[in-house]
Amino acid sequence: GYEFDEGSVIYNRFRSVISYKTDEKPIFSLETVAGSESLS
């Protein structure tokens, strides 16, 4: 029931056996994607 406009998925990206990096990926709501001008 929560209608967000945009967001981020924050996770640990694997780099090597002894190394990782905290990274994030974007997410968007259906309304934000549908309202994009470049979607045409």
All heavy atoms as atom14 arrays in JSON, in Angstrom:
{
  "sequence": "GYEFDEGSVIYNRFRSVISYKTDEKPIFSLETVAGSESLS",
  "atom14_mask": [
    [1, 1, 1, 1, 0, 0, 0, 0, 0, 0, 0, 0, 0, 0],
    [1, 1, 1, 1, 1, 1, 1, 1, 1, 1, 1, 1, 0, 0],
    [1, 1, 1, 1, 1, 1, 1, 1, 1, 0, 0, 0, 0, 0],
    [1, 1, 1, 1, 1, 1, 1, 1, 1, 1, 1, 0, 0, 0],
    [1, 1, 1, 1, 1, 1, 1, 1, 0, 0, 0, 0, 0, 0],
    [1, 1, 1, 1, 1, 1, 1, 1, 1, 0, 0, 0, 0, 0],
    [1, 1, 1, 1, 0, 0, 0, 0, 0, 0, 0, 0, 0, 0],
    [1, 1, 1, 1, 1, 1, 0, 0, 0, 0, 0, 0, 0, 0],
    [1, 1, 1, 1, 1, 1, 1, 0, 0, 0, 0, 0, 0, 0],
    [1, 1, 1, 1, 1, 1, 1, 1, 0, 0, 0, 0, 0, 0],
    [1, 1, 1, 1, 1, 1, 1, 1, 1, 1, 1, 1, 0, 0],
    [1, 1, 1, 1, 1, 1, 1, 1, 0, 0, 0, 0, 0, 0],
    [1, 1, 1, 1, 1, 1, 1, 1, 1, 1, 1, 0, 0, 0],
    [1, 1, 1, 1, 1, 1, 1, 1, 1, 1, 1, 0, 0, 0],
    [1, 1, 1, 1, 1, 1, 1, 1, 1, 1, 1, 0, 0, 0],
    [1, 1, 1, 1, 1, 1, 0, 0, 0, 0, 0, 0, 0, 0],
    [1, 1, 1, 1, 1, 1, 1, 0, 0, 0, 0, 0, 0, 0],
    [1, 1, 1, 1, 1, 1, 1, 1, 0, 0, 0, 0, 0, 0],
    [1, 1, 1, 1, 1, 1, 0, 0, 0, 0, 0, 0, 0, 0],
    [1, 1, 1, 1, 1, 1, 1, 1, 1, 1, 1, 1, 0, 0],
    [1, 1, 1, 1, 1, 1, 1, 1, 1, 0, 0, 0, 0, 0],
    [1, 1, 1, 1, 1, 1, 1, 0, 0, 0, 0, 0, 0, 0],
    [1, 1, 1, 1, 1, 1, 1, 1, 0, 0, 0, 0, 0, 0],
    [1, 1, 1, 1, 1, 1, 1, 1, 1, 0, 0, 0, 0, 0],
    [1, 1, 1, 1, 1, 1, 1, 1, 1, 0, 0, 0, 0, 0],
    [1, 1, 1, 1, 1, 1, 1, 0, 0, 0, 0, 0, 0, 0],
    [1, 1, 1, 1, 1, 1, 1, 1, 0, 0, 0, 0, 0, 0],
    [1, 1, 1, 1, 1, 1, 1, 1, 1, 1, 1, 0, 0, 0],
    [1, 1, 1, 1, 1, 1, 0, 0, 0, 0, 0, 0, 0, 0],
    [1, 1, 1, 1, 1, 1, 1, 1, 0, 0, 0, 0, 0, 0],
    [1, 1, 1, 1, 1, 1, 1, 1, 1, 0, 0, 0, 0, 0],
    [1, 1, 1, 1, 1, 1, 1, 0, 0, 0, 0, 0, 0, 0],
    [1, 1, 1, 1, 1, 1, 1, 0, 0, 0, 0, 0, 0, 0],
    [1, 1, 1, 1, 1, 0, 0, 0, 0, 0, 0, 0, 0, 0],
    [1, 1, 1, 1, 0, 0, 0, 0, 0, 0, 0, 0, 0, 0],
    [1, 1, 1, 1, 1, 1, 0, 0, 0, 0, 0, 0, 0, 0],
    [1, 1, 1, 1, 1, 1, 1, 1, 1, 0, 0, 0, 0, 0],
    [1, 1, 1, 1, 1, 1, 0, 0, 0, 0, 0, 0, 0, 0],
    [1, 1, 1, 1, 1, 1, 1, 1, 0, 0, 0, 0, 0, 0],
    [1, 1, 1, 1, 1, 1, 0, 0, 0, 0, 0, 0, 0, 0]
  ],
  "atom14_positions": [
    [[0.79, -1.22, 0.0], [0.0, 0.0, 0.0], [0.82, 1.27, 0.0], [0.26, 2.37, -0.11], [0.0, 0.0, 0.0], [0.0, 0.0, 0.0], [0.0, 0.0, 0.0], [0.0, 0.0, 0.0], [0.0, 0.0, 0.0], [0.0, 0.0, 0.0], [0.0, 0.0, 0.0], [0.0, 0.0, 0.0], [0.0, 0.0, 0.0], [0.0, 0.0, 0.0]],
    [[2.15, 1.15, 0.12], [3.0, 2.34, 0.11], [3.36, 2.66, -1.34], [4.0, 1.87, -2.02], [4.27, 2.1, 0.93], [5.18, 3.3, 1.0], [4.86, 4.4, 1.77], [6.36, 3.33, 0.26], [5.68, 5.51, 1.82], [7.21, 4.43, 0.32], [6.86, 5.51, 1.1], [7.69, 6.61, 1.15], [0.0, 0.0, 0.0], [0.0, 0.0, 0.0]],
    [[2.96, 3.82, -1.8], [3.21, 4.24, -3.18], [4.43, 5.16, -3.2], [4.34, 6.35, -2.96], [1.98, 4.95, -3.74], [0.74, 4.07, -3.8], [-0.46, 4.79, -4.35], [-0.33, 6.01, -4.62], [-1.53, 4.18, -4.5], [0.0, 0.0, 0.0], [0.0, 0.0, 0.0], [0.0, 0.0, 0.0], [0.0, 0.0, 0.0], [0.0, 0.0, 0.0]],
    [[5.57, 4.59, -3.51], [6.81, 5.38, -3.6], [7.01, 5.89, -5.02], [6.43, 5.36, -5.98], [8.0, 4.52, -3.16], [8.27, 3.34, -4.05], [9.21, 3.41, -5.07], [7.58, 2.14, -3.88], [9.45, 2.33, -5.9], [7.83, 1.05, -4.68], [8.75, 1.15, -5.72], [0.0, 0.0, 0.0], [0.0, 0.0, 0.0], [0.0, 0.0, 0.0]],
    [[7.83, 6.92, -5.15], [8.14, 7.49, -6.46], [9.44, 6.94, -7.03], [9.53, 6.64, -8.22], [8.23, 9.02, -6.35], [6.91, 9.63, -5.86], [5.86, 9.24, -6.4], [6.95, 10.45, -4.92], [0.0, 0.0, 0.0], [0.0, 0.0, 0.0], [0.0, 0.0, 0.0], [0.0, 0.0, 0.0], [0.0, 0.0, 0.0], [0.0, 0.0, 0.0]],
    [[10.44, 6.81, -6.19], [11.71, 6.23, -6.58], [12.34, 5.6, -5.34], [11.87, 5.79, -4.21], [12.66, 7.28, -7.18], [13.03, 8.4, -6.21], [14.04, 9.35, -6.79], [14.84, 8.9, -7.63], [14.01, 10.55, -6.41], [0.0, 0.0, 0.0], [0.0, 0.0, 0.0], [0.0, 0.0, 0.0], [0.0, 0.0, 0.0], [0.0, 0.0, 0.0]],
    [[13.39, 4.87, -5.57], [14.03, 4.21, -4.43], [15.39, 3.65, -4.83], [15.88, 3.83, -5.95], [0.0, 0.0, 0.0], [0.0, 0.0, 0.0], [0.0, 0.0, 0.0], [0.0, 0.0, 0.0], [0.0, 0.0, 0.0], [0.0, 0.0, 0.0], [0.0, 0.0, 0.0], [0.0, 0.0, 0.0], [0.0, 0.0, 0.0], [0.0, 0.0, 0.0]],
    [[16.0, 2.95, -3.85], [17.32, 2.35, -4.05], [17.37, 1.02, -3.33], [16.81, 0.88, -2.23], [18.43, 3.28, -3.53], [18.37, 4.54, -4.16], [0.0, 0.0, 0.0], [0.0, 0.0, 0.0], [0.0, 0.0, 0.0], [0.0, 0.0, 0.0], [0.0, 0.0, 0.0], [0.0, 0.0, 0.0], [0.0, 0.0, 0.0], [0.0, 0.0, 0.0]],
    [[18.04, 0.07, -3.96], [18.32, -1.23, -3.33], [19.79, -1.21, -2.92], [20.68, -1.13, -3.77], [18.04, -2.4, -4.29], [18.35, -3.72, -3.6], [16.6, -2.37, -4.75], [0.0, 0.0, 0.0], [0.0, 0.0, 0.0], [0.0, 0.0, 0.0], [0.0, 0.0, 0.0], [0.0, 0.0, 0.0], [0.0, 0.0, 0.0], [0.0, 0.0, 0.0]],
    [[20.04, -1.26, -1.63], [21.4, -1.18, -1.09], [21.86, -2.59, -0.72], [21.17, -3.28, 0.04], [21.46, -0.23, 0.12], [21.0, 1.17, -0.31], [22.85, -0.17, 0.72], [20.88, 2.16, 0.82], [0.0, 0.0, 0.0], [0.0, 0.0, 0.0], [0.0, 0.0, 0.0], [0.0, 0.0, 0.0], [0.0, 0.0, 0.0], [0.0, 0.0, 0.0]],
    [[22.98, -2.99, -1.22], [23.48, -4.35, -1.02], [25.01, -4.33, -1.04], [25.63, -3.29, -1.34], [22.95, -5.26, -2.14], [23.47, -4.89, -3.52], [24.53, -5.57, -4.1], [22.9, -3.82, -4.23], [25.02, -5.22, -5.35], [23.38, -3.47, -5.48], [24.43, -4.16, -6.03], [24.92, -3.81, -7.26], [0.0, 0.0, 0.0], [0.0, 0.0, 0.0]],
    [[25.62, -5.47, -0.76], [27.07, -5.62, -0.81], [27.44, -6.31, -2.12], [27.06, -7.46, -2.35], [27.59, -6.44, 0.37], [27.5, -5.67, 1.67], [27.93, -4.53, 1.76], [26.92, -6.28, 2.69], [0.0, 0.0, 0.0], [0.0, 0.0, 0.0], [0.0, 0.0, 0.0], [0.0, 0.0, 0.0], [0.0, 0.0, 0.0], [0.0, 0.0, 0.0]],
    [[28.18, -5.61, -2.96], [28.59, -6.17, -4.25], [29.91, -6.93, -4.09], [30.89, -6.38, -3.59], [28.74, -5.06, -5.3], [29.18, -5.56, -6.68], [29.01, -4.46, -7.71], [29.76, -3.27, -7.37], [31.05, -3.08, -7.69], [31.72, -4.02, -8.34], [31.65, -1.96, -7.36], [0.0, 0.0, 0.0], [0.0, 0.0, 0.0], [0.0, 0.0, 0.0]],
    [[29.91, -8.16, -4.53], [31.09, -9.01, -4.39], [32.16, -8.58, -5.38], [31.9, -8.38, -6.57], [30.69, -10.47, -4.64], [31.86, -11.42, -4.65], [32.46, -11.81, -3.47], [32.34, -11.93, -5.85], [33.53, -12.68, -3.48], [33.4, -12.8, -5.87], [34.0, -13.18, -4.68], [0.0, 0.0, 0.0], [0.0, 0.0, 0.0], [0.0, 0.0, 0.0]],
    [[33.41, -8.45, -4.87], [34.54, -8.08, -5.71], [35.6, -9.18, -5.75], [36.08, -9.56, -6.79], [35.16, -6.77, -5.22], [34.18, -5.6, -5.23], [34.78, -4.35, -4.62], [35.89, -3.82, -5.42], [36.57, -2.74, -5.09], [36.27, -2.07, -3.98], [37.56, -2.32, -5.85], [0.0, 0.0, 0.0], [0.0, 0.0, 0.0], [0.0, 0.0, 0.0]],
    [[35.97, -9.7, -4.59], [36.92, -10.81, -4.52], [36.68, -11.54, -3.2], [35.77, -11.19, -2.44], [38.37, -10.31, -4.63], [38.7, -9.52, -3.5], [0.0, 0.0, 0.0], [0.0, 0.0, 0.0], [0.0, 0.0, 0.0], [0.0, 0.0, 0.0], [0.0, 0.0, 0.0], [0.0, 0.0, 0.0], [0.0, 0.0, 0.0], [0.0, 0.0, 0.0]],
    [[37.52, -12.53, -2.92], [37.34, -13.31, -1.7], [37.5, -12.45, -0.46], [36.83, -12.67, 0.56], [38.35, -14.48, -1.67], [38.14, -15.34, -0.44], [38.21, -15.33, -2.92], [0.0, 0.0, 0.0], [0.0, 0.0, 0.0], [0.0, 0.0, 0.0], [0.0, 0.0, 0.0], [0.0, 0.0, 0.0], [0.0, 0.0, 0.0], [0.0, 0.0, 0.0]],
    [[38.34, -11.45, -0.53], [38.62, -10.62, 0.64], [38.08, -9.2, 0.48], [38.42, -8.31, 1.27], [40.13, -10.56, 0.93], [40.88, -10.02, -0.3], [40.66, -11.93, 1.33], [42.36, -9.81, -0.08], [0.0, 0.0, 0.0], [0.0, 0.0, 0.0], [0.0, 0.0, 0.0], [0.0, 0.0, 0.0], [0.0, 0.0, 0.0], [0.0, 0.0, 0.0]],
    [[37.27, -8.97, -0.53], [36.83, -7.6, -0.79], [35.38, -7.59, -1.27], [34.95, -8.44, -2.05], [37.73, -6.94, -1.84], [37.27, -5.65, -2.17], [0.0, 0.0, 0.0], [0.0, 0.0, 0.0], [0.0, 0.0, 0.0], [0.0, 0.0, 0.0], [0.0, 0.0, 0.0], [0.0, 0.0, 0.0], [0.0, 0.0, 0.0], [0.0, 0.0, 0.0]],
    [[34.64, -6.61, -0.79], [33.28, -6.33, -1.25], [33.04, -4.83, -1.12], [33.78, -4.12, -0.41], [32.24, -7.11, -0.44], [32.22, -6.77, 1.02], [31.4, -5.74, 1.5], [32.99, -7.45, 1.94], [31.38, -5.4, 2.84], [32.99, -7.12, 3.27], [32.17, -6.1, 3.72], [32.17, -5.76, 5.05], [0.0, 0.0, 0.0], [0.0, 0.0, 0.0]],
    [[32.03, -4.35, -1.79], [31.73, -2.93, -1.78], [30.23, -2.72, -1.63], [29.44, -3.38, -2.31], [32.22, -2.27, -3.07], [31.95, -0.77, -3.13], [32.41, -0.18, -4.45], [32.12, 1.31, -4.52], [32.53, 1.89, -5.82], [0.0, 0.0, 0.0], [0.0, 0.0, 0.0], [0.0, 0.0, 0.0], [0.0, 0.0, 0.0], [0.0, 0.0, 0.0]],
    [[29.85, -1.84, -0.74], [28.43, -1.51, -0.56], [27.96, -0.65, -1.73], [28.49, 0.44, -1.95], [28.21, -0.78, 0.77], [28.7, -1.58, 1.84], [26.74, -0.51, 0.99], [0.0, 0.0, 0.0], [0.0, 0.0, 0.0], [0.0, 0.0, 0.0], [0.0, 0.0, 0.0], [0.0, 0.0, 0.0], [0.0, 0.0, 0.0], [0.0, 0.0, 0.0]],
    [[27.01, -1.15, -2.47], [26.54, -0.48, -3.69], [25.03, -0.35, -3.65], [24.37, -0.88, -2.74], [26.97, -1.3, -4.92], [27.04, -0.44, -6.17], [26.65, 0.74, -6.09], [27.46, -0.96, -7.22], [0.0, 0.0, 0.0], [0.0, 0.0, 0.0], [0.0, 0.0, 0.0], [0.0, 0.0, 0.0], [0.0, 0.0, 0.0], [0.0, 0.0, 0.0]],
    [[24.47, 0.35, -4.62], [23.01, 0.5, -4.69], [22.55, 0.56, -6.14], [23.29, 1.0, -7.02], [22.56, 1.75, -3.93], [23.1, 3.06, -4.45], [22.61, 4.24, -3.64], [23.14, 4.45, -2.55], [21.69, 4.94, -4.13], [0.0, 0.0, 0.0], [0.0, 0.0, 0.0], [0.0, 0.0, 0.0], [0.0, 0.0, 0.0], [0.0, 0.0, 0.0]],
    [[21.33, 0.09, -6.35], [20.7, 0.1, -7.66], [19.39, 0.86, -7.57], [18.66, 0.74, -6.57], [20.43, -1.32, -8.15], [21.68, -2.16, -8.39], [22.5, -1.62, -9.55], [23.69, -2.51, -9.83], [24.55, -1.96, -10.91], [0.0, 0.0, 0.0], [0.0, 0.0, 0.0], [0.0, 0.0, 0.0], [0.0, 0.0, 0.0], [0.0, 0.0, 0.0]],
    [[19.04, 1.65, -8.59], [17.81, 2.44, -8.53], [16.57, 1.62, -8.87], [16.64, 0.66, -9.65], [18.05, 3.54, -9.57], [18.94, 2.87, -10.57], [19.82, 1.93, -9.8], [0.0, 0.0, 0.0], [0.0, 0.0, 0.0], [0.0, 0.0, 0.0], [0.0, 0.0, 0.0], [0.0, 0.0, 0.0], [0.0, 0.0, 0.0], [0.0, 0.0, 0.0]],
    [[15.47, 1.98, -8.29], [14.17, 1.43, -8.65], [13.19, 2.6, -8.77], [13.36, 3.64, -8.13], [13.66, 0.39, -7.62], [13.6, 1.02, -6.22], [14.51, -0.85, -7.62], [12.97, 0.11, -5.17], [0.0, 0.0, 0.0], [0.0, 0.0, 0.0], [0.0, 0.0, 0.0], [0.0, 0.0, 0.0], [0.0, 0.0, 0.0], [0.0, 0.0, 0.0]],
    [[12.17, 2.4, -9.6], [11.18, 3.45, -9.83], [9.79, 2.86, -9.8], [9.6, 1.67, -10.08], [11.42, 4.14, -11.18], [12.76, 4.8, -11.32], [13.81, 4.14, -11.95], [12.99, 6.07, -10.8], [15.05, 4.74, -12.08], [14.23, 6.67, -10.92], [15.27, 6.0, -11.55], [0.0, 0.0, 0.0], [0.0, 0.0, 0.0], [0.0, 0.0, 0.0]],
    [[8.85, 3.69, -9.47], [7.45, 3.25, -9.45], [6.91, 3.2, -10.87], [7.51, 3.72, -11.82], [6.61, 4.2, -8.6], [6.58, 5.5, -9.18], [0.0, 0.0, 0.0], [0.0, 0.0, 0.0], [0.0, 0.0, 0.0], [0.0, 0.0, 0.0], [0.0, 0.0, 0.0], [0.0, 0.0, 0.0], [0.0, 0.0, 0.0], [0.0, 0.0, 0.0]],
    [[5.74, 2.58, -11.01], [5.11, 2.48, -12.33], [4.75, 3.85, -12.87], [4.92, 4.12, -14.07], [3.86, 1.6, -12.23], [3.05, 1.42, -13.52], [3.91, 0.74, -14.58], [1.79, 0.61, -13.24], [0.0, 0.0, 0.0], [0.0, 0.0, 0.0], [0.0, 0.0, 0.0], [0.0, 0.0, 0.0], [0.0, 0.0, 0.0], [0.0, 0.0, 0.0]],
    [[4.28, 4.74, -12.01], [3.91, 6.08, -12.46], [5.12, 6.87, -12.94], [5.06, 7.62, -13.91], [3.21, 6.84, -11.32], [1.82, 6.32, -10.98], [1.84, 5.01, -10.22], [2.94, 4.62, -9.77], [0.79, 4.36, -10.11], [0.0, 0.0, 0.0], [0.0, 0.0, 0.0], [0.0, 0.0, 0.0], [0.0, 0.0, 0.0], [0.0, 0.0, 0.0]],
    [[6.26, 6.69, -12.24], [7.47, 7.41, -12.65], [7.97, 6.92, -14.0], [8.36, 7.71, -14.86], [8.57, 7.21, -11.59], [8.09, 7.68, -10.32], [9.82, 7.99, -11.96], [0.0, 0.0, 0.0], [0.0, 0.0, 0.0], [0.0, 0.0, 0.0], [0.0, 0.0, 0.0], [0.0, 0.0, 0.0], [0.0, 0.0, 0.0], [0.0, 0.0, 0.0]],
    [[7.92, 5.59, -14.2], [8.36, 5.04, -15.49], [7.42, 5.45, -16.61], [7.85, 5.84, -17.71], [8.45, 3.49, -15.4], [8.79, 2.89, -16.76], [9.49, 3.08, -14.37], [0.0, 0.0, 0.0], [0.0, 0.0, 0.0], [0.0, 0.0, 0.0], [0.0, 0.0, 0.0], [0.0, 0.0, 0.0], [0.0, 0.0, 0.0], [0.0, 0.0, 0.0]],
    [[6.11, 5.39, -16.36], [5.14, 5.75, -17.4], [5.19, 7.23, -17.75], [4.9, 7.61, -18.89], [3.73, 5.37, -16.94], [0.0, 0.0, 0.0], [0.0, 0.0, 0.0], [0.0, 0.0, 0.0], [0.0, 0.0, 0.0], [0.0, 0.0, 0.0], [0.0, 0.0, 0.0], [0.0, 0.0, 0.0], [0.0, 0.0, 0.0], [0.0, 0.0, 0.0]],
    [[5.59, 8.05, -16.79], [5.64, 9.49, -17.04], [6.95, 9.98, -17.62], [7.12, 11.19, -17.8], [0.0, 0.0, 0.0], [0.0, 0.0, 0.0], [0.0, 0.0, 0.0], [0.0, 0.0, 0.0], [0.0, 0.0, 0.0], [0.0, 0.0, 0.0], [0.0, 0.0, 0.0], [0.0, 0.0, 0.0], [0.0, 0.0, 0.0], [0.0, 0.0, 0.0]],
    [[7.86, 9.07, -17.92], [9.15, 9.49, -18.48], [8.98, 9.96, -19.92], [8.28, 9.34, -20.72], [10.14, 8.33, -18.42], [11.36, 8.7, -19.02], [0.0, 0.0, 0.0], [0.0, 0.0, 0.0], [0.0, 0.0, 0.0], [0.0, 0.0, 0.0], [0.0, 0.0, 0.0], [0.0, 0.0, 0.0], [0.0, 0.0, 0.0], [0.0, 0.0, 0.0]],
    [[9.64, 11.05, -20.26], [9.53, 11.6, -21.61], [10.27, 10.74, -22.64], [9.87, 10.66, -23.8], [10.09, 13.03, -21.64], [9.33, 13.99, -20.75], [9.95, 15.38, -20.77], [11.01, 15.54, -21.42], [9.38, 16.29, -20.13], [0.0, 0.0, 0.0], [0.0, 0.0, 0.0], [0.0, 0.0, 0.0], [0.0, 0.0, 0.0], [0.0, 0.0, 0.0]],
    [[11.35, 10.08, -22.21], [12.15, 9.29, -23.15], [11.57, 7.92, -23.42], [12.12, 7.16, -24.22], [13.58, 9.14, -22.61], [14.18, 10.39, -22.41], [0.0, 0.0, 0.0], [0.0, 0.0, 0.0], [0.0, 0.0, 0.0], [0.0, 0.0, 0.0], [0.0, 0.0, 0.0], [0.0, 0.0, 0.0], [0.0, 0.0, 0.0], [0.0, 0.0, 0.0]],
    [[10.46, 7.58, -22.76], [9.87, 6.26, -22.97], [9.23, 6.11, -24.35], [8.96, 5.0, -24.79], [8.82, 5.99, -21.88], [8.32, 4.55, -21.73], [9.46, 3.62, -21.3], [7.17, 4.47, -20.72], [0.0, 0.0, 0.0], [0.0, 0.0, 0.0], [0.0, 0.0, 0.0], [0.0, 0.0, 0.0], [0.0, 0.0, 0.0], [0.0, 0.0, 0.0]],
    [[9.07, 7.22, -25.04], [8.43, 7.18, -26.36], [9.3, 6.51, -27.42], [8.81, 6.23, -28.52], [8.09, 8.6, -26.82], [9.27, 9.4, -26.86], [0.0, 0.0, 0.0], [0.0, 0.0, 0.0], [0.0, 0.0, 0.0], [0.0, 0.0, 0.0], [0.0, 0.0, 0.0], [0.0, 0.0, 0.0], [0.0, 0.0, 0.0], [0.0, 0.0, 0.0]]
  ]
}
